[in-house]
Amino acid sequence: MNALVYVVIGIHVICSFGLIIFVLLHSGKGTGLSSMLGGAMPTTGSGTGIIEKNLDRITIAFAAGYALSALILVMTYRAA
């Protein structure tokens, strides 16, 4: 295996742990980080707070990184 595969595997592992953590931080029916920390913060017209929007963006970024690293691994990884 070359160095690219090791780097992509590292990115894949970091994205997988980040994705797990940020999915668990999302609120479901009034519980979670966004209602705990953002209860007094004003909400937008859609009903979601600033913290929830940022959690959504971070989760999407980790999911995109995970998917991209998985595709790169499929193309470059050669099993021995």
Protein backbone atom coordinates (compact mmCIF):
# COMPACT_ATOMS: atom_id res chain seq x y z
CA MET A 1 0.00 0.00 0.00
CA ASN A 2 1.18 3.47 -0.73
CA ALA A 3 1.10 6.58 1.46
CA LEU A 4 -2.13 7.87 -0.13
CA VAL A 5 -4.06 4.87 1.16
CA TYR A 6 -2.82 5.45 4.71
CA VAL A 7 -3.78 9.12 4.59
CA VAL A 8 -7.24 8.35 3.21
CA ILE A 9 -7.79 5.64 5.83
CA GLY A 10 -6.89 8.18 8.53
CA ILE A 11 -9.34 10.72 7.09
CA HIS A 12 -11.99 7.99 6.85
CA VAL A 13 -11.58 7.05 10.53
CA ILE A 14 -11.68 10.69 11.68
CA CYS A 15 -14.81 11.33 9.61
CA SER A 16 -16.51 8.20 10.94
CA PHE A 17 -15.93 9.18 14.59
CA GLY A 18 -16.94 12.77 13.89
CA LEU A 19 -20.10 11.61 12.16
CA ILE A 20 -21.04 9.39 15.10
CA ILE A 21 -20.45 12.18 17.61
CA PHE A 22 -22.35 14.88 15.71
CA VAL A 23 -25.31 12.65 14.88
CA LEU A 24 -25.64 11.84 18.57
CA LEU A 25 -25.54 15.55 19.43
CA HIS A 26 -28.63 16.27 17.32
CA SER A 27 -31.86 16.78 19.14
CA GLY A 28 -34.86 14.60 18.81
CA LYS A 29 -38.26 15.83 20.03
CA GLY A 30 -37.04 18.59 22.33
CA THR A 31 -33.95 16.94 23.79
CA GLY A 32 -30.32 17.15 22.92
CA LEU A 33 -27.63 19.77 22.70
CA SER A 34 -29.63 22.33 20.78
CA SER A 35 -32.44 22.56 23.32
CA MET A 36 -30.08 22.30 26.27
CA LEU A 37 -27.81 25.16 25.17
CA GLY A 38 -30.05 27.10 22.83
CA GLY A 39 -33.28 27.26 24.79
CA ALA A 40 -33.09 31.02 25.29
CA MET A 41 -31.79 31.76 21.81
CA PRO A 42 -34.21 33.06 19.21
CA THR A 43 -35.24 30.67 16.48
CA THR A 44 -35.65 31.35 12.80
CA GLY A 45 -38.84 30.97 10.79
CA SER A 46 -38.29 27.26 10.27
CA GLY A 47 -38.18 26.59 14.00
CA THR A 48 -34.53 25.57 14.22
CA GLY A 49 -31.97 27.47 16.23
CA ILE A 50 -28.53 28.64 15.33
CA ILE A 51 -26.87 25.77 17.18
CA GLU A 52 -28.99 23.20 15.34
CA LYS A 53 -28.11 24.74 11.97
CA ASN A 54 -24.41 24.60 12.79
CA LEU A 55 -24.75 20.99 13.92
CA ASP A 56 -26.44 20.22 10.61
CA ARG A 57 -23.61 21.84 8.64
CA ILE A 58 -20.89 20.03 10.58
CA THR A 59 -22.70 16.70 10.26
CA ILE A 60 -23.10 17.18 6.50
CA ALA A 61 -19.40 18.04 6.18
CA PHE A 62 -18.38 14.88 8.05
CA ALA A 63 -20.79 12.79 5.97
CA ALA A 64 -19.40 14.22 2.73
CA GLY A 65 -15.85 13.57 3.89
CA TYR A 66 -16.77 10.02 4.84
CA ALA A 67 -18.41 9.34 1.48
CA LEU A 68 -15.56 10.90 -0.48
CA SER A 69 -12.91 8.98 1.44
CA ALA A 70 -14.87 5.75 0.95
CA LEU A 71 -14.95 6.34 -2.81
CA ILE A 72 -11.23 7.10 -2.91
CA LEU A 73 -10.52 3.95 -0.90
CA VAL A 74 -12.56 1.85 -3.31
CA MET A 75 -10.54 3.18 -6.21
CA THR A 76 -7.07 3.05 -4.64
CA TYR A 77 -7.02 0.24 -2.08
CA ARG A 78 -5.62 -3.06 -3.24
CA ALA A 79 -6.02 -6.01 -0.90
CA ALA A 80 -2.91 -8.16 -0.59
